[in-house]
Amino acid sequence: MNDCPVDGLEPIEYDDETDVYQAGFDSGEIPPSHAVVKIVSEIGETQPTDFEPLYSAIDPQALDRLCTRHPLDSQEGDCVVEFAYLDYRVRVKSYGYIEVQPVSGATE
């Protein structure tokens, strides 16, 4: 994985103490569902077409509706959606932040 930003995402950072990858995104530029696929693809060093579609784990349209920030929203009542996808635990926050943690025993 490189330190260059993935299209639509801020650079992906890795915290080796918590084993969590994290990146910010702007839901005005990229839907949250697309951001999830991009970060998982980058972490796994594979193409999105090489793994199961996101809808096998969660409804992408529902994720987008829940986690897309609207210009007039305040940070009060932010939404956090957590789900398992492939070999990862994914947490998407409506204020434009994704955390991805490999499931114990999973290979990257």
PDB file of N, CA and C in Angstrom:
ATOM      1  N   MET A   1       0.860  -1.178   0.000  1.00  0.00           N
ATOM      2  CA  MET A   1       0.000   0.000   0.000  1.00  0.00           C
ATOM      3  C   MET A   1       0.897   1.229   0.000  1.00  0.00           C
ATOM      4  N   ASN A   2       0.515   2.233  -0.794  1.00  0.00           N
ATOM      5  CA  ASN A   2       1.336   3.441  -0.849  1.00  0.00           C
ATOM      6  C   ASN A   2       0.716   4.547  -0.019  1.00  0.00           C
ATOM      7  N   ASP A   3       1.487   5.609   0.191  1.00  0.00           N
ATOM      8  CA  ASP A   3       1.009   6.731   0.997  1.00  0.00           C
ATOM      9  C   ASP A   3       0.308   7.796   0.165  1.00  0.00           C
ATOM     10  N   CYS A   4       0.209   7.584  -1.136  1.00  0.00           N
ATOM     11  CA  CYS A   4      -0.458   8.560  -1.996  1.00  0.00           C
ATOM     12  C   CYS A   4      -1.966   8.452  -1.773  1.00  0.00           C
ATOM     13  N   PRO A   5      -2.657   9.584  -1.859  1.00  0.00           N
ATOM     14  CA  PRO A   5      -4.104   9.507  -1.677  1.00  0.00           C
ATOM     15  C   PRO A   5      -4.761   8.686  -2.783  1.00  0.00           C
ATOM     16  N   VAL A   6      -5.726   7.912  -2.421  1.00  0.00           N
ATOM     17  CA  VAL A   6      -6.539   7.176  -3.379  1.00  0.00           C
ATOM     18  C   VAL A   6      -7.618   8.149  -3.834  1.00  0.00           C
ATOM     19  N   ASP A   7      -7.948   8.127  -5.113  1.00  0.00           N
ATOM     20  CA  ASP A   7      -8.922   9.060  -5.661  1.00  0.00           C
ATOM     21  C   ASP A   7     -10.172   9.158  -4.779  1.00  0.00           C
ATOM     22  N   GLY A   8     -10.456  10.344  -4.259  1.00  0.00           N
ATOM     23  CA  GLY A   8     -11.631  10.567  -3.435  1.00  0.00           C
ATOM     24  C   GLY A   8     -11.418  10.375  -1.949  1.00  0.00           C
ATOM     25  N   LEU A   9     -10.265   9.850  -1.569  1.00  0.00           N
ATOM     26  CA  LEU A   9      -9.955   9.623  -0.162  1.00  0.00           C
ATOM     27  C   LEU A   9      -8.734  10.440   0.238  1.00  0.00           C
ATOM     28  N   GLU A  10      -8.679  10.778   1.511  1.00  0.00           N
ATOM     29  CA  GLU A  10      -7.453  11.331   2.053  1.00  0.00           C
ATOM     30  C   GLU A  10      -6.457  10.178   2.144  1.00  0.00           C
ATOM     31  N   PRO A  11      -5.162  10.456   2.334  1.00  0.00           N
ATOM     32  CA  PRO A  11      -4.211   9.350   2.458  1.00  0.00           C
ATOM     33  C   PRO A  11      -4.632   8.376   3.567  1.00  0.00           C
ATOM     34  N   ILE A  12      -4.459   7.097   3.295  1.00  0.00           N
ATOM     35  CA  ILE A  12      -4.812   6.058   4.252  1.00  0.00           C
ATOM     36  C   ILE A  12      -3.685   5.942   5.271  1.00  0.00           C
ATOM     37  N   GLU A  13      -4.055   6.012   6.528  1.00  0.00           N
ATOM     38  CA  GLU A  13      -3.082   5.881   7.610  1.00  0.00           C
ATOM     39  C   GLU A  13      -3.316   4.556   8.322  1.00  0.00           C
ATOM     40  N   TYR A  14      -2.244   4.023   8.892  1.00  0.00           N
ATOM     41  CA  TYR A  14      -2.337   2.761   9.619  1.00  0.00           C
ATOM     42  C   TYR A  14      -1.815   2.960  11.033  1.00  0.00           C
ATOM     43  N   ASP A  15      -2.586   2.498  12.014  1.00  0.00           N
ATOM     44  CA  ASP A  15      -2.181   2.556  13.414  1.00  0.00           C
ATOM     45  C   ASP A  15      -1.821   1.127  13.829  1.00  0.00           C
ATOM     46  N   ASP A  16      -0.509   0.864  13.995  1.00  0.00           N
ATOM     47  CA  ASP A  16      -0.105  -0.506  14.303  1.00  0.00           C
ATOM     48  C   ASP A  16      -0.452  -0.935  15.725  1.00  0.00           C
ATOM     49  N   GLU A  17      -0.741   0.001  16.607  1.00  0.00           N
ATOM     50  CA  GLU A  17      -1.159  -0.362  17.967  1.00  0.00           C
ATOM     51  C   GLU A  17      -2.568  -0.938  17.986  1.00  0.00           C
ATOM     52  N   THR A  18      -3.442  -0.373  17.173  1.00  0.00           N
ATOM     53  CA  THR A  18      -4.835  -0.835  17.141  1.00  0.00           C
ATOM     54  C   THR A  18      -5.143  -1.709  15.926  1.00  0.00           C
ATOM     55  N   ASP A  19      -4.182  -1.806  14.987  1.00  0.00           N
ATOM     56  CA  ASP A  19      -4.361  -2.563  13.754  1.00  0.00           C
ATOM     57  C   ASP A  19      -5.542  -2.022  12.940  1.00  0.00           C
ATOM     58  N   VAL A  20      -5.629  -0.693  12.869  1.00  0.00           N
ATOM     59  CA  VAL A  20      -6.731  -0.037  12.165  1.00  0.00           C
ATOM     60  C   VAL A  20      -6.187   0.869  11.067  1.00  0.00           C
ATOM     61  N   TYR A  21      -6.777   0.727   9.877  1.00  0.00           N
ATOM     62  CA  TYR A  21      -6.511   1.642   8.769  1.00  0.00           C
ATOM     63  C   TYR A  21      -7.590   2.706   8.844  1.00  0.00           C
ATOM     64  N   GLN A  22      -7.233   3.945   8.504  1.00  0.00           N
ATOM     65  CA  GLN A  22      -8.230   5.011   8.564  1.00  0.00           C
ATOM     66  C   GLN A  22      -7.974   6.039   7.469  1.00  0.00           C
ATOM     67  N   ALA A  23      -9.056   6.616   6.995  1.00  0.00           N
ATOM     68  CA  ALA A  23      -8.965   7.652   5.969  1.00  0.00           C
ATOM     69  C   ALA A  23     -10.213   8.518   6.023  1.00  0.00           C
ATOM     70  N   GLY A  24     -10.036   9.767   5.690  1.00  0.00           N
ATOM     71  CA  GLY A  24     -11.162  10.678   5.559  1.00  0.00           C
ATOM     72  C   GLY A  24     -11.644  10.699   4.119  1.00  0.00           C
ATOM     73  N   PHE A  25     -12.867  11.133   3.934  1.00  0.00           N
ATOM     74  CA  PHE A  25     -13.421  11.282   2.589  1.00  0.00           C
ATOM     75  C   PHE A  25     -14.456  12.394   2.621  1.00  0.00           C
ATOM     76  N   ASP A  26     -14.713  12.968   1.474  1.00  0.00           N
ATOM     77  CA  ASP A  26     -15.724  14.016   1.343  1.00  0.00           C
ATOM     78  C   ASP A  26     -16.916  13.418   0.611  1.00  0.00           C
ATOM     79  N   SER A  27     -18.022  13.228   1.325  1.00  0.00           N
ATOM     80  CA  SER A  27     -19.192  12.592   0.707  1.00  0.00           C
ATOM     81  C   SER A  27     -19.800  13.450  -0.392  1.00  0.00           C
ATOM     82  N   GLY A  28     -19.364  14.704  -0.500  1.00  0.00           N
ATOM     83  CA  GLY A  28     -19.789  15.533  -1.629  1.00  0.00           C
ATOM     84  C   GLY A  28     -19.043  15.177  -2.903  1.00  0.00           C
ATOM     85  N   GLU A  29     -17.897  14.500  -2.756  1.00  0.00           N
ATOM     86  CA  GLU A  29     -17.082  14.099  -3.903  1.00  0.00           C
ATOM     87  C   GLU A  29     -17.182  12.613  -4.220  1.00  0.00           C
ATOM     88  N   ILE A  30     -17.358  11.795  -3.191  1.00  0.00           N
ATOM     89  CA  ILE A  30     -17.404  10.345  -3.376  1.00  0.00           C
ATOM     90  C   ILE A  30     -18.432   9.766  -2.399  1.00  0.00           C
ATOM     91  N   PRO A  31     -19.357   8.943  -2.883  1.00  0.00           N
ATOM     92  CA  PRO A  31     -20.320   8.334  -1.968  1.00  0.00           C
ATOM     93  C   PRO A  31     -19.607   7.443  -0.945  1.00  0.00           C
ATOM     94  N   PRO A  32     -20.101   7.372   0.272  1.00  0.00           N
ATOM     95  CA  PRO A  32     -19.480   6.523   1.291  1.00  0.00           C
ATOM     96  C   PRO A  32     -19.285   5.080   0.830  1.00  0.00           C
ATOM     97  N   SER A  33     -20.245   4.526   0.102  1.00  0.00           N
ATOM     98  CA  SER A  33     -20.108   3.144  -0.361  1.00  0.00           C
ATOM     99  C   SER A  33     -18.909   2.987  -1.286  1.00  0.00           C
ATOM    100  N   HIS A  34     -18.666   3.947  -2.140  1.00  0.00           N
ATOM    101  CA  HIS A  34     -17.510   3.893  -3.044  1.00  0.00           C
ATOM    102  C   HIS A  34     -16.216   4.055  -2.253  1.00  0.00           C
ATOM    103  N   ALA A  35     -16.251   4.913  -1.238  1.00  0.00           N
ATOM    104  CA  ALA A  35     -15.069   5.116  -0.404  1.00  0.00           C
ATOM    105  C   ALA A  35     -14.683   3.822   0.308  1.00  0.00           C
ATOM    106  N   VAL A  36     -15.671   3.079   0.788  1.00  0.00           N
ATOM    107  CA  VAL A  36     -15.401   1.801   1.459  1.00  0.00           C
ATOM    108  C   VAL A  36     -14.716   0.837   0.501  1.00  0.00           C
ATOM    109  N   VAL A  37     -15.259   0.705  -0.695  1.00  0.00           N
ATOM    110  CA  VAL A  37     -14.680  -0.211  -1.679  1.00  0.00           C
ATOM    111  C   VAL A  37     -13.252   0.212  -2.024  1.00  0.00           C
ATOM    112  N   LYS A  38     -13.034   1.511  -2.161  1.00  0.00           N
ATOM    113  CA  LYS A  38     -11.686   1.988  -2.506  1.00  0.00           C
ATOM    114  C   LYS A  38     -10.680   1.716  -1.397  1.00  0.00           C
ATOM    115  N   ILE A  39     -11.045   1.982  -0.160  1.00  0.00           N
ATOM    116  CA  ILE A  39     -10.087   1.760   0.930  1.00  0.00           C
ATOM    117  C   ILE A  39      -9.813   0.266   1.115  1.00  0.00           C
ATOM    118  N   VAL A  40     -10.837  -0.575   1.037  1.00  0.00           N
ATOM    119  CA  VAL A  40     -10.632  -2.021   1.167  1.00  0.00           C
ATOM    120  C   VAL A  40      -9.776  -2.534   0.009  1.00  0.00           C
ATOM    121  N   SER A  41     -10.013  -2.041  -1.179  1.00  0.00           N
ATOM    122  CA  SER A  41      -9.218  -2.427  -2.338  1.00  0.00           C
ATOM    123  C   SER A  41      -7.761  -2.030  -2.161  1.00  0.00           C
ATOM    124  N   GLU A  42      -7.524  -0.831  -1.672  1.00  0.00           N
ATOM    125  CA  GLU A  42      -6.160  -0.350  -1.454  1.00  0.00           C
ATOM    126  C   GLU A  42      -5.462  -1.148  -0.352  1.00  0.00           C
ATOM    127  N   ILE A  43      -6.147  -1.400   0.741  1.00  0.00           N
ATOM    128  CA  ILE A  43      -5.557  -2.164   1.851  1.00  0.00           C
ATOM    129  C   ILE A  43      -5.218  -3.580   1.403  1.00  0.00           C
ATOM    130  N   GLY A  44      -6.126  -4.196   0.676  1.00  0.00           N
ATOM    131  CA  GLY A  44      -5.912  -5.564   0.211  1.00  0.00           C
ATOM    132  C   GLY A  44      -5.053  -5.665  -1.036  1.00  0.00           C
ATOM    133  N   GLU A  45      -4.644  -4.502  -1.571  1.00  0.00           N
ATOM    134  CA  GLU A  45      -3.817  -4.433  -2.776  1.00  0.00           C
ATOM    135  C   GLU A  45      -4.411  -5.270  -3.908  1.00  0.00           C
ATOM    136  N   THR A  46      -5.695  -5.020  -4.175  1.00  0.00           N
ATOM    137  CA  THR A  46      -6.400  -5.745  -5.227  1.00  0.00           C
ATOM    138  C   THR A  46      -7.376  -4.790  -5.917  1.00  0.00           C
ATOM    139  N   GLN A  47      -7.951  -5.242  -6.989  1.00  0.00           N
ATOM    140  CA  GLN A  47      -8.943  -4.465  -7.714  1.00  0.00           C
ATOM    141  C   GLN A  47     -10.339  -4.766  -7.153  1.00  0.00           C
ATOM    142  N   PRO A  48     -11.209  -3.778  -7.115  1.00  0.00           N
ATOM    143  CA  PRO A  48     -12.573  -4.014  -6.591  1.00  0.00           C
ATOM    144  C   PRO A  48     -13.320  -5.127  -7.318  1.00  0.00           C
ATOM    145  N   THR A  49     -12.998  -5.358  -8.569  1.00  0.00           N
ATOM    146  CA  THR A  49     -13.678  -6.418  -9.319  1.00  0.00           C
ATOM    147  C   THR A  49     -13.212  -7.812  -8.914  1.00  0.00           C
ATOM    148  N   ASP A  50     -12.156  -7.881  -8.088  1.00  0.00           N
ATOM    149  CA  ASP A  50     -11.616  -9.174  -7.661  1.00  0.00           C
ATOM    150  C   ASP A  50     -12.234  -9.716  -6.380  1.00  0.00           C
ATOM    151  N   PHE A  51     -13.154  -8.958  -5.755  1.00  0.00           N
ATOM    152  CA  PHE A  51     -13.774  -9.454  -4.528  1.00  0.00           C
ATOM    153  C   PHE A  51     -15.275  -9.241  -4.549  1.00  0.00           C
ATOM    154  N   GLU A  52     -15.940  -9.806  -3.550  1.00  0.00           N
ATOM    155  CA  GLU A  52     -17.404  -9.728  -3.484  1.00  0.00           C
ATOM    156  C   GLU A  52     -17.884  -8.286  -3.496  1.00  0.00           C
ATOM    157  N   PRO A  53     -19.027  -8.040  -4.131  1.00  0.00           N
ATOM    158  CA  PRO A  53     -19.571  -6.683  -4.126  1.00  0.00           C
ATOM    159  C   PRO A  53     -19.996  -6.257  -2.716  1.00  0.00           C
ATOM    160  N   LEU A  54     -19.966  -4.973  -2.479  1.00  0.00           N
ATOM    161  CA  LEU A  54     -20.310  -4.440  -1.169  1.00  0.00           C
ATOM    162  C   LEU A  54     -21.717  -4.867  -0.749  1.00  0.00           C
ATOM    163  N   TYR A  55     -22.640  -4.977  -1.704  1.00  0.00           N
ATOM    164  CA  TYR A  55     -24.022  -5.329  -1.337  1.00  0.00           C
ATOM    165  C   TYR A  55     -24.137  -6.722  -0.735  1.00  0.00           C
ATOM    166  N   SER A  56     -23.061  -7.525  -0.800  1.00  0.00           N
ATOM    167  CA  SER A  56     -23.098  -8.826  -0.123  1.00  0.00           C
ATOM    168  C   SER A  56     -23.010  -8.661   1.392  1.00  0.00           C
ATOM    169  N   ALA A  57     -22.585  -7.454   1.840  1.00  0.00           N
ATOM    170  CA  ALA A  57     -22.446  -7.191   3.276  1.00  0.00           C
ATOM    171  C   ALA A  57     -23.435  -6.151   3.789  1.00  0.00           C
ATOM    172  N   ILE A  58     -23.773  -5.179   2.947  1.00  0.00           N
ATOM    173  CA  ILE A  58     -24.629  -4.072   3.373  1.00  0.00           C
ATOM    174  C   ILE A  58     -25.269  -3.441   2.142  1.00  0.00           C
ATOM    175  N   ASP A  59     -26.429  -2.831   2.316  1.00  0.00           N
ATOM    176  CA  ASP A  59     -27.088  -2.131   1.217  1.00  0.00           C
ATOM    177  C   ASP A  59     -26.318  -0.819   0.953  1.00  0.00           C
ATOM    178  N   PRO A  60     -25.619  -0.708  -0.187  1.00  0.00           N
ATOM    179  CA  PRO A  60     -24.818   0.486  -0.454  1.00  0.00           C
ATOM    180  C   PRO A  60     -25.642   1.780  -0.483  1.00  0.00           C
ATOM    181  N   GLN A  61     -26.864   1.705  -1.000  1.00  0.00           N
ATOM    182  CA  GLN A  61     -27.703   2.912  -1.049  1.00  0.00           C
ATOM    183  C   GLN A  61     -28.081   3.368   0.353  1.00  0.00           C
ATOM    184  N   ALA A  62     -28.381   2.428   1.235  1.00  0.00           N
ATOM    185  CA  ALA A  62     -28.705   2.783   2.622  1.00  0.00           C
ATOM    186  C   ALA A  62     -27.480   3.394   3.302  1.00  0.00           C
ATOM    187  N   LEU A  63     -26.308   2.797   3.075  1.00  0.00           N
ATOM    188  CA  LEU A  63     -25.072   3.347   3.640  1.00  0.00           C
ATOM    189  C   LEU A  63     -24.854   4.777   3.160  1.00  0.00           C
ATOM    190  N   ASP A  64     -25.062   5.015   1.878  1.00  0.00           N
ATOM    191  CA  ASP A  64     -24.886   6.362   1.329  1.00  0.00           C
ATOM    192  C   ASP A  64     -25.874   7.349   1.945  1.00  0.00           C
ATOM    193  N   ARG A  65     -27.124   6.922   2.100  1.00  0.00           N
ATOM    194  CA  ARG A  65     -28.130   7.825   2.694  1.00  0.00           C
ATOM    195  C   ARG A  65     -27.793   8.154   4.142  1.00  0.00           C
ATOM    196  N   LEU A  66     -27.333   7.160   4.885  1.00  0.00           N
ATOM    197  CA  LEU A  66     -27.036   7.365   6.302  1.00  0.00           C
ATOM    198  C   LEU A  66     -25.760   8.177   6.530  1.00  0.00           C
ATOM    199  N   CYS A  67     -24.779   7.999   5.657  1.00  0.00           N
ATOM    200  CA  CYS A  67     -23.448   8.557   5.927  1.00  0.00           C
ATOM    201  C   CYS A  67     -23.018   9.663   4.973  1.00  0.00           C
ATOM    202  N   THR A  68     -23.955  10.228   4.235  1.00  0.00           N
ATOM    203  CA  THR A  68     -23.618  11.371   3.395  1.00  0.00           C
ATOM    204  C   THR A  68     -23.914  12.640   4.169  1.00  0.00           C
ATOM    205  N   ARG A  69     -22.913  13.469   4.269  1.00  0.00           N
ATOM    206  CA  ARG A  69     -23.019  14.728   5.008  1.00  0.00           C
ATOM    207  C   ARG A  69     -23.691  15.764   4.116  1.00  0.00           C
ATOM    208  N   HIS A  70     -24.648  16.440   4.649  1.00  0.00           N
ATOM    209  CA  HIS A  70     -25.327  17.503   3.925  1.00  0.00           C
ATOM    210  C   HIS A  70     -24.799  18.834   4.428  1.00  0.00           C
ATOM    211  N   PRO A  71     -24.690  19.830   3.548  1.00  0.00           N
ATOM    212  CA  PRO A  71     -24.055  21.102   3.920  1.00  0.00           C
ATOM    213  C   PRO A  71     -24.621  21.772   5.168  1.00  0.00           C
ATOM    214  N   LEU A  72     -25.892  21.598   5.465  1.00  0.00           N
ATOM    215  CA  LEU A  72     -26.498  22.278   6.602  1.00  0.00           C
ATOM    216  C   LEU A  72     -26.460  21.449   7.884  1.00  0.00           C
ATOM    217  N   ASP A  73     -25.931  20.215   7.799  1.00  0.00           N
ATOM    218  CA  ASP A  73     -25.856  19.361   8.985  1.00  0.00           C
ATOM    219  C   ASP A  73     -24.824  19.889   9.977  1.00  0.00           C
ATOM    220  N   SER A  74     -25.117  19.719  11.239  1.00  0.00           N
ATOM    221  CA  SER A  74     -24.108  19.977  12.269  1.00  0.00           C
ATOM    222  C   SER A  74     -23.525  18.625  12.650  1.00  0.00           C
ATOM    223  N   GLN A  75     -22.515  18.593  13.499  1.00  0.00           N
ATOM    224  CA  GLN A  75     -21.954  17.306  13.901  1.00  0.00           C
ATOM    225  C   GLN A  75     -22.803  16.638  14.969  1.00  0.00           C
ATOM    226  N   GLU A  76     -23.823  17.307  15.454  1.00  0.00           N
ATOM    227  CA  GLU A  76     -24.721  16.673  16.408  1.00  0.00           C
ATOM    228  C   GLU A  76     -25.499  15.580  15.686  1.00  0.00           C
ATOM    229  N   GLY A  77     -25.599  14.443  16.313  1.00  0.00           N
ATOM    230  CA  GLY A  77     -26.365  13.353  15.725  1.00  0.00           C
ATOM    231  C   GLY A  77     -25.669  12.661  14.576  1.00  0.00           C
ATOM    232  N   ASP A  78     -24.340  12.721  14.549  1.00  0.00           N
ATOM    233  CA  ASP A  78     -23.628  12.009  13.503  1.00  0.00           C
ATOM    234  C   ASP A  78     -23.957  10.530  13.556  1.00  0.00           C
ATOM    235  N   CYS A  79     -23.932   9.907  12.391  1.00  0.00           N
ATOM    236  CA  CYS A  79     -24.255   8.490  12.265  1.00  0.00           C
ATOM    237  C   CYS A  79     -22.960   7.690  12.118  1.00  0.00           C
ATOM    238  N   VAL A  80     -22.910   6.545  12.755  1.00  0.00           N
ATOM    239  CA  VAL A  80     -21.797   5.613  12.599  1.00  0.00           C
ATOM    240  C   VAL A  80     -22.395   4.267  12.207  1.00  0.00           C
ATOM    241  N   VAL A  81     -21.932   3.715  11.091  1.00  0.00           N
ATOM    242  CA  VAL A  81     -22.403   2.415  10.616  1.00  0.00           C
ATOM    243  C   VAL A  81     -21.219   1.460  10.653  1.00  0.00           C
ATOM    244  N   GLU A  82     -21.400   0.334  11.315  1.00  0.00           N
ATOM    245  CA  GLU A  82     -20.334  -0.661  11.430  1.00  0.00           C
ATOM    246  C   GLU A  82     -20.833  -1.984  10.871  1.00  0.00           C
ATOM    247  N   PHE A  83     -19.981  -2.642  10.084  1.00  0.00           N
ATOM    248  CA  PHE A  83     -20.370  -3.907   9.473  1.00  0.00           C
ATOM    249  C   PHE A  83     -19.124  -4.703   9.092  1.00  0.00           C
ATOM    250  N   ALA A  84     -19.317  -5.985   8.859  1.00  0.00           N
ATOM    251  CA  ALA A  84     -18.240  -6.855   8.397  1.00  0.00           C
ATOM    252  C   ALA A  84     -18.284  -6.893   6.873  1.00  0.00           C
ATOM    253  N   TYR A  85     -17.114  -6.779   6.263  1.00  0.00           N
ATOM    254  CA  TYR A  85     -17.003  -6.856   4.810  1.00  0.00           C
ATOM    255  C   TYR A  85     -15.707  -7.576   4.472  1.00  0.00           C
ATOM    256  N   LEU A  86     -15.834  -8.680   3.777  1.00  0.00           N
ATOM    257  CA  LEU A  86     -14.698  -9.534   3.463  1.00  0.00           C
ATOM    258  C   LEU A  86     -14.015  -9.929   4.767  1.00  0.00           C
ATOM    259  N   ASP A  87     -12.733  -9.669   4.901  1.00  0.00           N
ATOM    260  CA  ASP A  87     -12.013 -10.027   6.124  1.00  0.00           C
ATOM    261  C   ASP A  87     -11.778  -8.816   7.011  1.00  0.00           C
ATOM    262  N   TYR A  88     -12.710  -7.861   6.979  1.00  0.00           N
ATOM    263  CA  TYR A  88     -12.520  -6.604   7.696  1.00  0.00           C
ATOM    264  C   TYR A  88     -13.759  -6.215   8.503  1.00  0.00           C
ATOM    265  N   ARG A  89     -13.527  -5.484   9.559  1.00  0.00           N
ATOM    266  CA  ARG A  89     -14.577  -4.799  10.310  1.00  0.00           C
ATOM    267  C   ARG A  89     -14.492  -3.354   9.828  1.00  0.00           C
ATOM    268  N   VAL A  90     -15.576  -2.834   9.261  1.00  0.00           N
ATOM    269  CA  VAL A  90     -15.597  -1.496   8.667  1.00  0.00           C
ATOM    270  C   VAL A  90     -16.494  -0.593   9.504  1.00  0.00           C
ATOM    271  N   ARG A  91     -16.020   0.611   9.773  1.00  0.00           N
ATOM    272  CA  ARG A  91     -16.810   1.612  10.497  1.00  0.00           C
ATOM    273  C   ARG A  91     -16.803   2.884   9.650  1.00  0.00           C
ATOM    274  N   VAL A  92     -17.999   3.318   9.227  1.00  0.00           N
ATOM    275  CA  VAL A  92     -18.140   4.528   8.423  1.00  0.00           C
ATOM    276  C   VAL A  92     -18.843   5.573   9.268  1.00  0.00           C
ATOM    277  N   LYS A  93     -18.245   6.745   9.346  1.00  0.00           N
ATOM    278  CA  LYS A  93     -18.809   7.832  10.142  1.00  0.00           C
ATOM    279  C   LYS A  93     -19.320   8.913   9.193  1.00  0.00           C
ATOM    280  N   SER A  94     -20.504   9.422   9.481  1.00  0.00           N
ATOM    281  CA  SER A  94     -21.151  10.355   8.560  1.00  0.00           C
ATOM    282  C   SER A  94     -20.411  11.671   8.389  1.00  0.00           C
ATOM    283  N   TYR A  95     -19.471  11.970   9.269  1.00  0.00           N
ATOM    284  CA  TYR A  95     -18.712  13.199   9.086  1.00  0.00           C
ATOM    285  C   TYR A  95     -17.487  12.981   8.208  1.00  0.00           C
ATOM    286  N   GLY A  96     -17.458  11.858   7.477  1.00  0.00           N
ATOM    287  CA  GLY A  96     -16.442  11.653   6.467  1.00  0.00           C
ATOM    288  C   GLY A  96     -15.196  10.939   6.925  1.00  0.00           C
ATOM    289  N   TYR A  97     -15.370   9.837   7.625  1.00  0.00           N
ATOM    290  CA  TYR A  97     -14.227   9.111   8.154  1.00  0.00           C
ATOM    291  C   TYR A  97     -14.522   7.622   8.108  1.00  0.00           C
ATOM    292  N   ILE A  98     -13.543   6.846   7.666  1.00  0.00           N
ATOM    293  CA  ILE A  98     -13.691   5.391   7.597  1.00  0.00           C
ATOM    294  C   ILE A  98     -12.556   4.741   8.365  1.00  0.00           C
ATOM    295  N   GLU A  99     -12.898   3.726   9.147  1.00  0.00           N
ATOM    296  CA  GLU A  99     -11.903   2.903   9.838  1.00  0.00           C
ATOM    297  C   GLU A  99     -12.099   1.471   9.370  1.00  0.00           C
ATOM    298  N   VAL A 100     -11.011   0.786   9.059  1.00  0.00           N
ATOM    299  CA  VAL A 100     -11.055  -0.589   8.598  1.00  0.00           C
ATOM    300  C   VAL A 100     -10.060  -1.400   9.412  1.00  0.00           C
ATOM    301  N   GLN A 101     -10.545  -2.473  10.021  1.00  0.00           N
ATOM    302  CA  GLN A 101      -9.680  -3.308  10.860  1.00  0.00           C
ATOM    303  C   GLN A 101      -9.761  -4.743  10.361  1.00  0.00           C
ATOM    304  N   PRO A 102      -8.607  -5.339  10.041  1.00  0.00           N
ATOM    305  CA  PRO A 102      -8.644  -6.744   9.660  1.00  0.00           C
ATOM    306  C   PRO A 102      -9.213  -7.597  10.794  1.00  0.00           C
ATOM    307  N   VAL A 103     -10.009  -8.585  10.426  1.00  0.00           N
ATOM    308  CA  VAL A 103     -10.563  -9.508  11.409  1.00  0.00           C
ATOM    309  C   VAL A 103      -9.414 -10.398  11.870  1.00  0.00           C
ATOM    310  N   SER A 104      -9.371 -10.728  13.148  1.00  0.00           N
ATOM    311  CA  SER A 104      -8.295 -11.559  13.705  1.00  0.00           C
ATOM    312  C   SER A 104      -8.073 -12.800  12.863  1.00  0.00           C
ATOM    313  N   GLY A 105      -6.820 -13.050  12.580  1.00  0.00           N
ATOM    314  CA  GLY A 105      -6.467 -14.229  11.796  1.00  0.00           C
ATOM    315  C   GLY A 105      -6.575 -14.035  10.303  1.00  0.00           C
ATOM    316  N   ALA A 106      -7.095 -12.893   9.856  1.00  0.00           N
ATOM    317  CA  ALA A 106      -7.213 -12.643   8.425  1.00  0.00           C
ATOM    318  C   ALA A 106      -5.858 -12.206   7.881  1.00  0.00           C
ATOM    319  N   THR A 107      -5.614 -12.528   6.658  1.00  0.00           N
ATOM    320  CA  THR A 107      -4.382 -12.079   6.005  1.00  0.00           C
ATOM    321  C   THR A 107      -4.699 -10.873   5.151  1.00  0.00           C
ATOM    322  N   GLU A 108      -3.709 -10.020   5.016  1.00  0.00           N
ATOM    323  CA  GLU A 108      -3.901  -8.808   4.215  1.00  0.00           C
ATOM    324  C   GLU A 108      -3.345  -9.012   2.841  1.00  0.00           C
TER     325      GLU A 108
END
